[in-house]
Amino acid sequence: LPSGAPITVEAKNVRSGTGLLRAETQKTRASKSD
């Protein structure tokens, strides 16, 4: 921001299909150990 403060943004696609508008907030990959 002009104040110098950083913010972070994550971009995701809305789910396809009909009905409720939904955003999936999970990562594509997972660690086998976690």
ModelCIF file with pLDDT and N, C-alpha, C, O atoms, coordinates in Angstrom:
data_MODEL
#
_entry.id   MODEL 
#
_entity.id                         1 
_entity.type                       polymer 
_entity.pdbx_number_of_molecules   1 
#
_entity_poly.entity_id                      1 
_entity_poly.type                           'polypeptide(L)' 
_entity_poly.nstd_linkage                   no 
_entity_poly.nstd_monomer                   no 
_entity_poly.pdbx_seq_one_letter_code       LPSGAPITVEAKNVRSGTGLLRAETQKTRASKSD 
_entity_poly.pdbx_seq_one_letter_code_can   LPSGAPITVEAKNVRSGTGLLRAETQKTRASKSD 
_entity_poly.pdbx_strand_id                 A 
#
loop_
_entity_poly_seq.entity_id 
_entity_poly_seq.num 
_entity_poly_seq.mon_id 
_entity_poly_seq.hetero 
1 1  LEU n 
1 2  PRO n 
1 3  SER n 
1 4  GLY n 
1 5  ALA n 
1 6  PRO n 
1 7  ILE n 
1 8  THR n 
1 9  VAL n 
1 10 GLU n 
1 11 ALA n 
1 12 LYS n 
1 13 ASN n 
1 14 VAL n 
1 15 ARG n 
1 16 SER n 
1 17 GLY n 
1 18 THR n 
1 19 GLY n 
1 20 LEU n 
1 21 LEU n 
1 22 ARG n 
1 23 ALA n 
1 24 GLU n 
1 25 THR n 
1 26 GLN n 
1 27 LYS n 
1 28 THR n 
1 29 ARG n 
1 30 ALA n 
1 31 SER n 
1 32 LYS n 
1 33 SER n 
1 34 ASP n 
#
_struct_asym.id          A 
_struct_asym.entity_id   1 
#
loop_
_ma_qa_metric.id 
_ma_qa_metric.mode 
_ma_qa_metric.name 
_ma_qa_metric.software_group_id 
_ma_qa_metric.type 
1 global pLDDT . pLDDT 
2 local  pLDDT . pLDDT 
#
_ma_qa_metric_global.metric_id      1 
_ma_qa_metric_global.metric_value   88.50 
_ma_qa_metric_global.model_id       1 
_ma_qa_metric_global.ordinal_id     1 
#
loop_
_ma_qa_metric_local.label_asym_id 
_ma_qa_metric_local.label_comp_id 
_ma_qa_metric_local.label_seq_id 
_ma_qa_metric_local.metric_id 
_ma_qa_metric_local.metric_value 
_ma_qa_metric_local.model_id 
_ma_qa_metric_local.ordinal_id 
A LEU 1  2 97.00 1 1  
A PRO 2  2 96.00 1 2  
A SER 3  2 94.00 1 3  
A GLY 4  2 92.00 1 4  
A ALA 5  2 93.00 1 5  
A PRO 6  2 97.00 1 6  
A ILE 7  2 97.00 1 7  
A THR 8  2 98.00 1 8  
A VAL 9  2 98.00 1 9  
A GLU 10 2 97.00 1 10 
A ALA 11 2 96.00 1 11 
A LYS 12 2 95.00 1 12 
A ASN 13 2 94.00 1 13 
A VAL 14 2 95.00 1 14 
A ARG 15 2 93.00 1 15 
A SER 16 2 91.00 1 16 
A GLY 17 2 90.00 1 17 
A THR 18 2 90.00 1 18 
A GLY 19 2 90.00 1 19 
A LEU 20 2 92.00 1 20 
A LEU 21 2 95.00 1 21 
A ARG 22 2 95.00 1 22 
A ALA 23 2 94.00 1 23 
A GLU 24 2 90.00 1 24 
A THR 25 2 91.00 1 25 
A GLN 26 2 85.00 1 26 
A LYS 27 2 80.00 1 27 
A THR 28 2 69.00 1 28 
A ARG 29 2 66.00 1 29 
A ALA 30 2 63.00 1 30 
A SER 31 2 68.00 1 31 
A LYS 32 2 71.00 1 32 
A SER 33 2 76.00 1 33 
A ASP 34 2 81.00 1 34 
#
loop_
_atom_site.group_PDB 
_atom_site.id 
_atom_site.type_symbol 
_atom_site.label_atom_id 
_atom_site.label_alt_id 
_atom_site.label_comp_id 
_atom_site.label_asym_id 
_atom_site.label_entity_id 
_atom_site.label_seq_id 
_atom_site.pdbx_PDB_ins_code 
_atom_site.Cartn_x 
_atom_site.Cartn_y 
_atom_site.Cartn_z 
_atom_site.occupancy 
_atom_site.B_iso_or_equiv 
_atom_site.pdbx_formal_charge 
_atom_site.auth_seq_id 
_atom_site.auth_comp_id 
_atom_site.auth_asym_id 
_atom_site.auth_atom_id 
_atom_site.pdbx_PDB_model_num 
ATOM 1   N N  . LEU A 1 1  ? 0.847   -1.182  0.000   1.00 97.00 ? 1  LEU A N  1 
ATOM 2   C CA . LEU A 1 1  ? 0.000   0.000   0.000   1.00 97.00 ? 1  LEU A CA 1 
ATOM 3   C C  . LEU A 1 1  ? 0.892   1.245   0.000   1.00 97.00 ? 1  LEU A C  1 
ATOM 4   O O  . LEU A 1 1  ? 2.074   1.145   0.329   1.00 97.00 ? 1  LEU A O  1 
ATOM 5   N N  . PRO A 1 2  ? 0.357   2.409   -0.359  1.00 96.00 ? 2  PRO A N  1 
ATOM 6   C CA . PRO A 1 2  ? 1.167   3.631   -0.340  1.00 96.00 ? 2  PRO A CA 1 
ATOM 7   C C  . PRO A 1 2  ? 1.802   3.905   1.029   1.00 96.00 ? 2  PRO A C  1 
ATOM 8   O O  . PRO A 1 2  ? 2.851   4.542   1.112   1.00 96.00 ? 2  PRO A O  1 
ATOM 9   N N  . SER A 1 3  ? 1.170   3.426   2.086   1.00 94.00 ? 3  SER A N  1 
ATOM 10  C CA . SER A 1 3  ? 1.727   3.590   3.434   1.00 94.00 ? 3  SER A CA 1 
ATOM 11  C C  . SER A 1 3  ? 2.961   2.723   3.655   1.00 94.00 ? 3  SER A C  1 
ATOM 12  O O  . SER A 1 3  ? 3.677   2.898   4.641   1.00 94.00 ? 3  SER A O  1 
ATOM 13  N N  . GLY A 1 4  ? 3.212   1.787   2.737   1.00 92.00 ? 4  GLY A N  1 
ATOM 14  C CA . GLY A 1 4  ? 4.340   0.869   2.883   1.00 92.00 ? 4  GLY A CA 1 
ATOM 15  C C  . GLY A 1 4  ? 3.952   -0.467  3.484   1.00 92.00 ? 4  GLY A C  1 
ATOM 16  O O  . GLY A 1 4  ? 4.750   -1.403  3.503   1.00 92.00 ? 4  GLY A O  1 
ATOM 17  N N  . ALA A 1 5  ? 2.718   -0.555  3.979   1.00 93.00 ? 5  ALA A N  1 
ATOM 18  C CA . ALA A 1 5  ? 2.265   -1.801  4.601   1.00 93.00 ? 5  ALA A CA 1 
ATOM 19  C C  . ALA A 1 5  ? 2.011   -2.864  3.530   1.00 93.00 ? 5  ALA A C  1 
ATOM 20  O O  . ALA A 1 5  ? 1.325   -2.590  2.545   1.00 93.00 ? 5  ALA A O  1 
ATOM 21  N N  . PRO A 1 6  ? 2.553   -4.073  3.709   1.00 97.00 ? 6  PRO A N  1 
ATOM 22  C CA . PRO A 1 6  ? 2.281   -5.143  2.743   1.00 97.00 ? 6  PRO A CA 1 
ATOM 23  C C  . PRO A 1 6  ? 1.030   -5.930  3.133   1.00 97.00 ? 6  PRO A C  1 
ATOM 24  O O  . PRO A 1 6  ? 0.749   -6.135  4.313   1.00 97.00 ? 6  PRO A O  1 
ATOM 25  N N  . ILE A 1 7  ? 0.289   -6.364  2.117   1.00 97.00 ? 7  ILE A N  1 
ATOM 26  C CA . ILE A 1 7  ? -0.803  -7.307  2.327   1.00 97.00 ? 7  ILE A CA 1 
ATOM 27  C C  . ILE A 1 7  ? -0.614  -8.441  1.329   1.00 97.00 ? 7  ILE A C  1 
ATOM 28  O O  . ILE A 1 7  ? 0.042   -8.263  0.302   1.00 97.00 ? 7  ILE A O  1 
ATOM 29  N N  . THR A 1 8  ? -1.181  -9.596  1.623   1.00 98.00 ? 8  THR A N  1 
ATOM 30  C CA . THR A 1 8  ? -1.041  -10.745 0.738   1.00 98.00 ? 8  THR A CA 1 
ATOM 31  C C  . THR A 1 8  ? -2.404  -11.121 0.166   1.00 98.00 ? 8  THR A C  1 
ATOM 32  O O  . THR A 1 8  ? -3.437  -10.980 0.821   1.00 98.00 ? 8  THR A O  1 
ATOM 33  N N  . VAL A 1 9  ? -2.377  -11.607 -1.088  1.00 98.00 ? 9  VAL A N  1 
ATOM 34  C CA . VAL A 1 9  ? -3.604  -11.942 -1.801  1.00 98.00 ? 9  VAL A CA 1 
ATOM 35  C C  . VAL A 1 9  ? -3.449  -13.332 -2.405  1.00 98.00 ? 9  VAL A C  1 
ATOM 36  O O  . VAL A 1 9  ? -2.427  -13.643 -3.016  1.00 98.00 ? 9  VAL A O  1 
ATOM 37  N N  . GLU A 1 10 ? -4.458  -14.153 -2.230  1.00 97.00 ? 10 GLU A N  1 
ATOM 38  C CA . GLU A 1 10 ? -4.515  -15.487 -2.832  1.00 97.00 ? 10 GLU A CA 1 
ATOM 39  C C  . GLU A 1 10 ? -5.646  -15.488 -3.850  1.00 97.00 ? 10 GLU A C  1 
ATOM 40  O O  . GLU A 1 10 ? -6.770  -15.101 -3.529  1.00 97.00 ? 10 GLU A O  1 
ATOM 41  N N  . ALA A 1 11 ? -5.355  -15.924 -5.087  1.00 96.00 ? 11 ALA A N  1 
ATOM 42  C CA . ALA A 1 11 ? -6.366  -15.974 -6.149  1.00 96.00 ? 11 ALA A CA 1 
ATOM 43  C C  . ALA A 1 11 ? -6.860  -17.406 -6.318  1.00 96.00 ? 11 ALA A C  1 
ATOM 44  O O  . ALA A 1 11 ? -6.065  -18.344 -6.376  1.00 96.00 ? 11 ALA A O  1 
ATOM 45  N N  . LYS A 1 12 ? -8.172  -17.564 -6.395  1.00 95.00 ? 12 LYS A N  1 
ATOM 46  C CA . LYS A 1 12 ? -8.800  -18.862 -6.607  1.00 95.00 ? 12 LYS A CA 1 
ATOM 47  C C  . LYS A 1 12 ? -9.924  -18.709 -7.615  1.00 95.00 ? 12 LYS A C  1 
ATOM 48  O O  . LYS A 1 12 ? -10.482 -17.621 -7.762  1.00 95.00 ? 12 LYS A O  1 
ATOM 49  N N  . ASN A 1 13 ? -10.259 -19.776 -8.304  1.00 94.00 ? 13 ASN A N  1 
ATOM 50  C CA . ASN A 1 13 ? -11.400 -19.790 -9.207  1.00 94.00 ? 13 ASN A CA 1 
ATOM 51  C C  . ASN A 1 13 ? -12.640 -20.252 -8.450  1.00 94.00 ? 13 ASN A C  1 
ATOM 52  O O  . ASN A 1 13 ? -12.566 -21.104 -7.564  1.00 94.00 ? 13 ASN A O  1 
ATOM 53  N N  . VAL A 1 14 ? -13.789 -19.665 -8.821  1.00 95.00 ? 14 VAL A N  1 
ATOM 54  C CA . VAL A 1 14 ? -15.056 -20.148 -8.293  1.00 95.00 ? 14 VAL A CA 1 
ATOM 55  C C  . VAL A 1 14 ? -15.305 -21.535 -8.898  1.00 95.00 ? 14 VAL A C  1 
ATOM 56  O O  . VAL A 1 14 ? -14.855 -21.816 -10.008 1.00 95.00 ? 14 VAL A O  1 
ATOM 57  N N  . ARG A 1 15 ? -16.003 -22.377 -8.189  1.00 93.00 ? 15 ARG A N  1 
ATOM 58  C CA . ARG A 1 15 ? -16.303 -23.722 -8.686  1.00 93.00 ? 15 ARG A CA 1 
ATOM 59  C C  . ARG A 1 15 ? -17.253 -23.652 -9.874  1.00 93.00 ? 15 ARG A C  1 
ATOM 60  O O  . ARG A 1 15 ? -18.119 -22.780 -9.935  1.00 93.00 ? 15 ARG A O  1 
ATOM 61  N N  . SER A 1 16 ? -17.091 -24.557 -10.799 1.00 91.00 ? 16 SER A N  1 
ATOM 62  C CA . SER A 1 16 ? -17.993 -24.679 -11.955 1.00 91.00 ? 16 SER A CA 1 
ATOM 63  C C  . SER A 1 16 ? -19.323 -25.261 -11.501 1.00 91.00 ? 16 SER A C  1 
ATOM 64  O O  . SER A 1 16 ? -19.459 -25.721 -10.367 1.00 91.00 ? 16 SER A O  1 
ATOM 65  N N  . GLY A 1 17 ? -20.293 -25.236 -12.389 1.00 90.00 ? 17 GLY A N  1 
ATOM 66  C CA . GLY A 1 17 ? -21.580 -25.871 -12.114 1.00 90.00 ? 17 GLY A CA 1 
ATOM 67  C C  . GLY A 1 17 ? -22.664 -24.854 -11.859 1.00 90.00 ? 17 GLY A C  1 
ATOM 68  O O  . GLY A 1 17 ? -22.516 -23.661 -12.125 1.00 90.00 ? 17 GLY A O  1 
ATOM 69  N N  . THR A 1 18 ? -23.757 -25.368 -11.337 1.00 90.00 ? 18 THR A N  1 
ATOM 70  C CA . THR A 1 18 ? -24.904 -24.518 -11.036 1.00 90.00 ? 18 THR A CA 1 
ATOM 71  C C  . THR A 1 18 ? -25.131 -24.515 -9.537  1.00 90.00 ? 18 THR A C  1 
ATOM 72  O O  . THR A 1 18 ? -24.425 -25.195 -8.793  1.00 90.00 ? 18 THR A O  1 
ATOM 73  N N  . GLY A 1 19 ? -26.097 -23.762 -9.105  1.00 90.00 ? 19 GLY A N  1 
ATOM 74  C CA . GLY A 1 19 ? -26.408 -23.713 -7.684  1.00 90.00 ? 19 GLY A CA 1 
ATOM 75  C C  . GLY A 1 19 ? -25.596 -22.648 -6.983  1.00 90.00 ? 19 GLY A C  1 
ATOM 76  O O  . GLY A 1 19 ? -25.253 -21.619 -7.565  1.00 90.00 ? 19 GLY A O  1 
ATOM 77  N N  . LEU A 1 20 ? -25.296 -22.910 -5.727  1.00 92.00 ? 20 LEU A N  1 
ATOM 78  C CA . LEU A 1 20 ? -24.582 -21.934 -4.914  1.00 92.00 ? 20 LEU A CA 1 
ATOM 79  C C  . LEU A 1 20 ? -23.234 -21.591 -5.530  1.00 92.00 ? 20 LEU A C  1 
ATOM 80  O O  . LEU A 1 20 ? -22.559 -22.442 -6.109  1.00 92.00 ? 20 LEU A O  1 
ATOM 81  N N  . LEU A 1 21 ? -22.864 -20.333 -5.390  1.00 95.00 ? 21 LEU A N  1 
ATOM 82  C CA . LEU A 1 21 ? -21.539 -19.882 -5.811  1.00 95.00 ? 21 LEU A CA 1 
ATOM 83  C C  . LEU A 1 21 ? -20.561 -20.278 -4.703  1.00 95.00 ? 21 LEU A C  1 
ATOM 84  O O  . LEU A 1 21 ? -20.728 -19.899 -3.544  1.00 95.00 ? 21 LEU A O  1 
ATOM 85  N N  . ARG A 1 22 ? -19.533 -21.050 -5.085  1.00 95.00 ? 22 ARG A N  1 
ATOM 86  C CA . ARG A 1 22 ? -18.623 -21.589 -4.067  1.00 95.00 ? 22 ARG A CA 1 
ATOM 87  C C  . ARG A 1 22 ? -17.177 -21.412 -4.505  1.00 95.00 ? 22 ARG A C  1 
ATOM 88  O O  . ARG A 1 22 ? -16.839 -21.595 -5.675  1.00 95.00 ? 22 ARG A O  1 
ATOM 89  N N  . ALA A 1 23 ? -16.336 -21.054 -3.553  1.00 94.00 ? 23 ALA A N  1 
ATOM 90  C CA . ALA A 1 23 ? -14.892 -20.995 -3.779  1.00 94.00 ? 23 ALA A CA 1 
ATOM 91  C C  . ALA A 1 23 ? -14.249 -22.110 -2.965  1.00 94.00 ? 23 ALA A C  1 
ATOM 92  O O  . ALA A 1 23 ? -14.539 -22.283 -1.781  1.00 94.00 ? 23 ALA A O  1 
ATOM 93  N N  . GLU A 1 24 ? -13.379 -22.853 -3.614  1.00 90.00 ? 24 GLU A N  1 
ATOM 94  C CA . GLU A 1 24 ? -12.670 -23.932 -2.922  1.00 90.00 ? 24 GLU A CA 1 
ATOM 95  C C  . GLU A 1 24 ? -11.361 -23.376 -2.382  1.00 90.00 ? 24 GLU A C  1 
ATOM 96  O O  . GLU A 1 24 ? -10.504 -22.916 -3.137  1.00 90.00 ? 24 GLU A O  1 
ATOM 97  N N  . THR A 1 25 ? -11.222 -23.424 -1.078  1.00 91.00 ? 25 THR A N  1 
ATOM 98  C CA . THR A 1 25 ? -10.022 -22.879 -0.438  1.00 91.00 ? 25 THR A CA 1 
ATOM 99  C C  . THR A 1 25 ? -9.211  -24.017 0.169   1.00 91.00 ? 25 THR A C  1 
ATOM 100 O O  . THR A 1 25 ? -9.102  -24.162 1.387   1.00 91.00 ? 25 THR A O  1 
ATOM 101 N N  . GLN A 1 26 ? -8.654  -24.805 -0.719  1.00 85.00 ? 26 GLN A N  1 
ATOM 102 C CA . GLN A 1 26 ? -7.670  -25.793 -0.289  1.00 85.00 ? 26 GLN A CA 1 
ATOM 103 C C  . GLN A 1 26 ? -6.585  -25.850 -1.351  1.00 85.00 ? 26 GLN A C  1 
ATOM 104 O O  . GLN A 1 26 ? -6.815  -25.487 -2.505  1.00 85.00 ? 26 GLN A O  1 
ATOM 105 N N  . LYS A 1 27 ? -5.422  -26.301 -0.964  1.00 80.00 ? 27 LYS A N  1 
ATOM 106 C CA . LYS A 1 27 ? -4.288  -26.350 -1.878  1.00 80.00 ? 27 LYS A CA 1 
ATOM 107 C C  . LYS A 1 27 ? -4.393  -27.569 -2.785  1.00 80.00 ? 27 LYS A C  1 
ATOM 108 O O  . LYS A 1 27 ? -5.056  -28.553 -2.460  1.00 80.00 ? 27 LYS A O  1 
ATOM 109 N N  . THR A 1 28 ? -3.723  -27.480 -3.928  1.00 69.00 ? 28 THR A N  1 
ATOM 110 C CA . THR A 1 28 ? -3.739  -28.564 -4.907  1.00 69.00 ? 28 THR A CA 1 
ATOM 111 C C  . THR A 1 28 ? -2.986  -29.783 -4.400  1.00 69.00 ? 28 THR A C  1 
ATOM 112 O O  . THR A 1 28 ? -3.394  -30.920 -4.637  1.00 69.00 ? 28 THR A O  1 
ATOM 113 N N  . ARG A 1 29 ? -1.896  -29.539 -3.707  1.00 66.00 ? 29 ARG A N  1 
ATOM 114 C CA . ARG A 1 29 ? -1.046  -30.643 -3.251  1.00 66.00 ? 29 ARG A CA 1 
ATOM 115 C C  . ARG A 1 29 ? -0.986  -30.681 -1.728  1.00 66.00 ? 29 ARG A C  1 
ATOM 116 O O  . ARG A 1 29 ? -1.179  -29.669 -1.053  1.00 66.00 ? 29 ARG A O  1 
ATOM 117 N N  . ALA A 1 30 ? -0.715  -31.866 -1.210  1.00 63.00 ? 30 ALA A N  1 
ATOM 118 C CA . ALA A 1 30 ? -0.556  -32.036 0.233   1.00 63.00 ? 30 ALA A CA 1 
ATOM 119 C C  . ALA A 1 30 ? 0.732   -32.797 0.506   1.00 63.00 ? 30 ALA A C  1 
ATOM 120 O O  . ALA A 1 30 ? 1.207   -33.575 -0.321  1.00 63.00 ? 30 ALA A O  1 
ATOM 121 N N  . SER A 1 31 ? 1.274   -32.555 1.667   1.00 68.00 ? 31 SER A N  1 
ATOM 122 C CA . SER A 1 31 ? 2.451   -33.278 2.119   1.00 68.00 ? 31 SER A CA 1 
ATOM 123 C C  . SER A 1 31 ? 2.001   -34.623 2.694   1.00 68.00 ? 31 SER A C  1 
ATOM 124 O O  . SER A 1 31 ? 1.035   -34.682 3.454   1.00 68.00 ? 31 SER A O  1 
ATOM 125 N N  . LYS A 1 32 ? 2.689   -35.686 2.338   1.00 71.00 ? 32 LYS A N  1 
ATOM 126 C CA . LYS A 1 32 ? 2.327   -37.008 2.867   1.00 71.00 ? 32 LYS A CA 1 
ATOM 127 C C  . LYS A 1 32 ? 2.486   -37.075 4.381   1.00 71.00 ? 32 LYS A C  1 
ATOM 128 O O  . LYS A 1 32 ? 1.810   -37.861 5.046   1.00 71.00 ? 32 LYS A O  1 
ATOM 129 N N  . SER A 1 33 ? 3.378   -36.253 4.925   1.00 76.00 ? 33 SER A N  1 
ATOM 130 C CA . SER A 1 33 ? 3.644   -36.312 6.361   1.00 76.00 ? 33 SER A CA 1 
ATOM 131 C C  . SER A 1 33 ? 2.725   -35.409 7.187   1.00 76.00 ? 33 SER A C  1 
ATOM 132 O O  . SER A 1 33 ? 2.742   -35.471 8.417   1.00 76.00 ? 33 SER A O  1 
ATOM 133 N N  . ASP A 1 34 ? 1.923   -34.570 6.521   1.00 81.00 ? 34 ASP A N  1 
ATOM 134 C CA . ASP A 1 34 ? 1.063   -33.638 7.248   1.00 81.00 ? 34 ASP A CA 1 
ATOM 135 C C  . ASP A 1 34 ? -0.338  -33.631 6.632   1.00 81.00 ? 34 ASP A C  1 
ATOM 136 O O  . ASP A 1 34 ? -1.215  -32.907 7.102   1.00 81.00 ? 34 ASP A O  1 
#
